[in-house]
C-alpha atoms as a PDB file:
ATOM      1  CA  MET A   1     110.773 -27.187 115.817  1.00  0.00           C
ATOM      2  CA  THR A   2     111.721 -30.527 117.319  1.00  0.00           C
ATOM      3  CA  LYS A   3     115.250 -31.534 118.263  1.00  0.00           C
ATOM      4  CA  ILE A   4     115.553 -33.762 115.195  1.00  0.00           C
ATOM      5  CA  GLY A   5     113.928 -31.138 112.973  1.00  0.00           C
ATOM      6  CA  THR A   6     116.346 -28.466 114.120  1.00  0.00           C
ATOM      7  CA  LEU A   7     119.319 -30.761 113.603  1.00  0.00           C
ATOM      8  CA  LEU A   8     118.218 -31.814 110.118  1.00  0.00           C
ATOM      9  CA  ARG A   9     117.595 -28.205 109.093  1.00  0.00           C
ATOM     10  CA  HIS A  10     121.041 -27.243 110.365  1.00  0.00           C
ATOM     11  CA  LEU A  11     122.675 -30.106 108.460  1.00  0.00           C
ATOM     12  CA  ARG A  12     120.843 -29.286 105.231  1.00  0.00           C
ATOM     13  CA  ILE A  13     121.785 -25.606 105.435  1.00  0.00           C
ATOM     14  CA  GLU A  14     125.347 -26.469 106.424  1.00  0.00           C
ATOM     15  CA  LYS A  15     125.614 -28.581 103.263  1.00  0.00           C
ATOM     16  CA  ASN A  16     124.126 -25.649 101.318  1.00  0.00           C
ATOM     17  CA  LEU A  17     121.284 -27.838 100.027  1.00  0.00           C
ATOM     18  CA  SER A  18     117.831 -26.755  98.950  1.00  0.00           C
ATOM     19  CA  TYR A  19     114.895 -28.981  99.839  1.00  0.00           C
ATOM     20  CA  ARG A  20     114.868 -30.310  96.278  1.00  0.00           C
ATOM     21  CA  GLU A  21     118.595 -31.102  96.340  1.00  0.00           C
ATOM     22  CA  ALA A  22     118.190 -32.866  99.690  1.00  0.00           C
ATOM     23  CA  SER A  23     115.285 -34.746  98.129  1.00  0.00           C
ATOM     24  CA  GLU A  24     117.412 -35.928  95.219  1.00  0.00           C
ATOM     25  CA  LEU A  25     120.206 -37.103  97.527  1.00  0.00           C
ATOM     26  CA  SER A  26     117.936 -38.864 100.010  1.00  0.00           C
ATOM     27  CA  GLY A  27     115.151 -40.224  97.814  1.00  0.00           C
ATOM     28  CA  LEU A  28     112.579 -38.510 100.058  1.00  0.00           C
ATOM     29  CA  SER A  29     110.121 -35.893  98.892  1.00  0.00           C
ATOM     30  CA  HIS A  30     111.181 -32.302  99.386  1.00  0.00           C
ATOM     31  CA  SER A  31     107.916 -31.509 101.149  1.00  0.00           C
ATOM     32  CA  TYR A  32     108.390 -34.391 103.613  1.00  0.00           C
ATOM     33  CA  ILE A  33     111.892 -33.143 104.453  1.00  0.00           C
ATOM     34  CA  ARG A  34     110.420 -29.699 105.118  1.00  0.00           C
ATOM     35  CA  TYR A  35     107.684 -31.121 107.359  1.00  0.00           C
ATOM     36  CA  ILE A  36     110.254 -33.109 109.346  1.00  0.00           C
ATOM     37  CA  GLU A  37     112.274 -29.957 109.878  1.00  0.00           C
ATOM     38  CA  ILE A  38     109.176 -28.041 111.003  1.00  0.00           C
ATOM     39  CA  GLY A  39     108.128 -30.974 113.202  1.00  0.00           C
ATOM     40  CA  LYS A  40     104.432 -30.964 112.277  1.00  0.00           C
ATOM     41  CA  ARG A  41     102.241 -32.669 109.729  1.00  0.00           C
ATOM     42  CA  PRO A  42     100.583 -30.322 107.247  1.00  0.00           C
ATOM     43  CA  GLY A  43      96.977 -29.442 107.933  1.00  0.00           C
ATOM     44  CA  SER A  44      96.630 -31.278 111.222  1.00  0.00           C
ATOM     45  CA  ASP A  45      99.618 -29.778 113.063  1.00  0.00           C
ATOM     46  CA  THR A  46     100.222 -33.156 114.709  1.00  0.00           C
ATOM     47  CA  PRO A  47     103.845 -33.925 115.598  1.00  0.00           C
ATOM     48  CA  ILE A  48     105.903 -35.737 112.997  1.00  0.00           C
ATOM     49  CA  ASN A  49     108.873 -37.941 113.800  1.00  0.00           C
ATOM     50  CA  PRO A  50     110.878 -39.519 110.989  1.00  0.00           C
ATOM     51  CA  THR A  51     111.198 -43.292 110.900  1.00  0.00           C
ATOM     52  CA  PRO A  52     114.600 -44.953 111.274  1.00  0.00           C
ATOM     53  CA  ASP A  53     114.565 -45.691 107.521  1.00  0.00           C
ATOM     54  CA  THR A  54     113.986 -42.011 106.793  1.00  0.00           C
ATOM     55  CA  LEU A  55     116.831 -41.086 109.122  1.00  0.00           C
ATOM     56  CA  LYS A  56     119.099 -43.576 107.379  1.00  0.00           C
ATOM     57  CA  ALA A  57     118.377 -41.941 104.016  1.00  0.00           C
ATOM     58  CA  LEU A  58     119.038 -38.478 105.446  1.00  0.00           C
ATOM     59  CA  SER A  59     122.182 -39.718 107.186  1.00  0.00           C
ATOM     60  CA  LYS A  60     123.598 -40.822 103.860  1.00  0.00           C
ATOM     61  CA  ALA A  61     122.457 -37.686 102.048  1.00  0.00           C
ATOM     62  CA  TYR A  62     123.960 -35.359 104.662  1.00  0.00           C
ATOM     63  CA  LYS A  63     126.965 -37.598 105.432  1.00  0.00           C
ATOM     64  CA  TYR A  64     126.070 -37.502 109.115  1.00  0.00           C
ATOM     65  CA  ASP A  65     126.247 -40.228 111.771  1.00  0.00           C
ATOM     66  CA  TYR A  66     123.111 -42.380 111.715  1.00  0.00           C
ATOM     67  CA  ASP A  67     123.223 -43.133 115.456  1.00  0.00           C
ATOM     68  CA  ASP A  68     123.332 -39.417 116.249  1.00  0.00           C
ATOM     69  CA  LEU A  69     120.194 -38.890 114.164  1.00  0.00           C
ATOM     70  CA  LEU A  70     118.494 -41.798 115.954  1.00  0.00           C
ATOM     71  CA  LYS A  71     119.383 -40.237 119.308  1.00  0.00           C
ATOM     72  CA  ALA A  72     118.074 -36.819 118.268  1.00  0.00           C
ATOM     73  CA  ALA A  73     114.797 -38.433 117.145  1.00  0.00           C
ATOM     74  CA  GLY A  74     114.461 -40.326 120.433  1.00  0.00           C
ATOM     75  CA  TYR A  75     115.033 -43.840 119.088  1.00  0.00           C
ATOM     76  CA  LEU A  76     118.272 -44.305 121.038  1.00  0.00           C
ATOM     77  CA  ASP A  77     119.194 -43.180 124.528  1.00  0.00           C
ATOM     78  CA  ASP A  78     122.230 -40.998 125.046  1.00  0.00           C
ATOM     79  CA  ASN A  79     122.964 -42.792 128.289  1.00  0.00           C
ATOM     80  CA  LYS A  80     123.900 -46.446 128.518  1.00  0.00           C
ATOM     81  CA  GLU A  81     121.109 -47.482 130.913  1.00  0.00           C
ATOM     82  CA  GLU A  82     119.298 -50.680 130.025  1.00  0.00           C
ATOM     83  CA  LYS A  83     115.964 -50.078 128.317  1.00  0.00           C
ATOM     84  CA  SER A  84     112.765 -51.675 129.560  1.00  0.00           C
ATOM     85  CA  ASP A  85     111.408 -54.739 127.746  1.00  0.00           C
ATOM     86  CA  ASP A  86     108.593 -52.636 126.279  1.00  0.00           C
ATOM     87  CA  GLU A  87     111.097 -50.089 124.927  1.00  0.00           C
ATOM     88  CA  LYS A  88     113.153 -52.906 123.399  1.00  0.00           C
ATOM     89  CA  LYS A  89     110.069 -54.323 121.673  1.00  0.00           C
ATOM     90  CA  LYS A  90     109.204 -50.943 120.221  1.00  0.00           C
ATOM     91  CA  ALA A  91     112.808 -50.389 119.122  1.00  0.00           C
ATOM     92  CA  ASN A  92     112.932 -53.736 117.308  1.00  0.00           C
ATOM     93  CA  VAL A  93     109.705 -52.926 115.512  1.00  0.00           C
ATOM     94  CA  ALA A  94     110.919 -49.417 114.679  1.00  0.00           C
ATOM     95  CA  PHE A  95     114.132 -50.749 113.174  1.00  0.00           C
ATOM     96  CA  HIS A  96     112.366 -53.495 111.232  1.00  0.00           C
ATOM     97  CA  ASP A  97     114.538 -56.172 112.876  1.00  0.00           C
ATOM     98  CA  PHE A  98     111.918 -58.818 112.197  1.00  0.00           C
ATOM     99  CA  ASP A  99     114.377 -61.691 111.815  1.00  0.00           C
ATOM    100  CA  ASN A 100     115.415 -61.469 115.475  1.00  0.00           C
ATOM    101  CA  LEU A 101     112.041 -60.958 117.155  1.00  0.00           C
ATOM    102  CA  THR A 102     111.284 -63.067 120.201  1.00  0.00           C
ATOM    103  CA  GLN A 103     107.963 -64.869 120.569  1.00  0.00           C
ATOM    104  CA  GLU A 104     106.888 -62.206 123.069  1.00  0.00           C
ATOM    105  CA  GLU A 105     107.677 -59.454 120.554  1.00  0.00           C
ATOM    106  CA  ILE A 106     105.741 -61.281 117.842  1.00  0.00           C
ATOM    107  CA  GLU A 107     102.735 -61.516 120.175  1.00  0.00           C
ATOM    108  CA  TYR A 108     103.076 -57.809 120.928  1.00  0.00           C
ATOM    109  CA  LEU A 109     103.013 -57.036 117.195  1.00  0.00           C
ATOM    110  CA  GLU A 110     100.020 -59.287 116.640  1.00  0.00           C
ATOM    111  CA  THR A 111      98.153 -57.495 119.427  1.00  0.00           C
ATOM    112  CA  GLN A 112      98.994 -54.107 117.941  1.00  0.00           C
ATOM    113  CA  LEU A 113      97.914 -55.287 114.499  1.00  0.00           C
ATOM    114  CA  GLU A 114      94.585 -56.539 115.845  1.00  0.00           C
ATOM    115  CA  ILE A 115      93.960 -53.177 117.508  1.00  0.00           C
ATOM    116  CA  PHE A 116      94.775 -51.438 114.232  1.00  0.00           C
ATOM    117  CA  ARG A 117      92.372 -53.688 112.332  1.00  0.00           C
ATOM    118  CA  LYS A 118      89.560 -52.961 114.801  1.00  0.00           C
ATOM    119  CA  ILE A 119      90.127 -49.227 114.479  1.00  0.00           C
ATOM    120  CA  LYS A 120      90.139 -49.406 110.671  1.00  0.00           C
ATOM    121  CA  LYS A 121      86.974 -51.528 110.733  1.00  0.00           C
ATOM    122  CA  ARG A 122      85.188 -48.896 112.866  1.00  0.00           C
ATOM    123  CA  GLU A 123      86.340 -46.119 110.553  1.00  0.00           C
ATOM    124  CA  ASN A 124      84.981 -47.932 107.492  1.00  0.00           C
ATOM    125  CA  LYS A 125      81.470 -48.324 108.950  1.00  0.00           C
END
């Protein structure tokens, strides 16, 4: 289990919630909540890390501090050191803060999108 998976499992059990009850409270599927807790995607066993939006839904459902969930998932640093520019760009994208993106961050996103399009194009051939 991952750090965030372990924490979310603990919170769900502490609240005495089944996966289905957690699903109803969060709006997420019960199977997705289970996979997050396990820390792996089904079938492929690749690591799974919940998005900030997913963490926000679980934060509300479990009545647990959102920032603490973000820290456990690795989106926020526990220490107060300044993050690198690249980390800031990724954080803005992860939090969907599109209204406050700088021109450099927009160019970064456009580059990432172009790479994604090329990959998808190769896969469809």
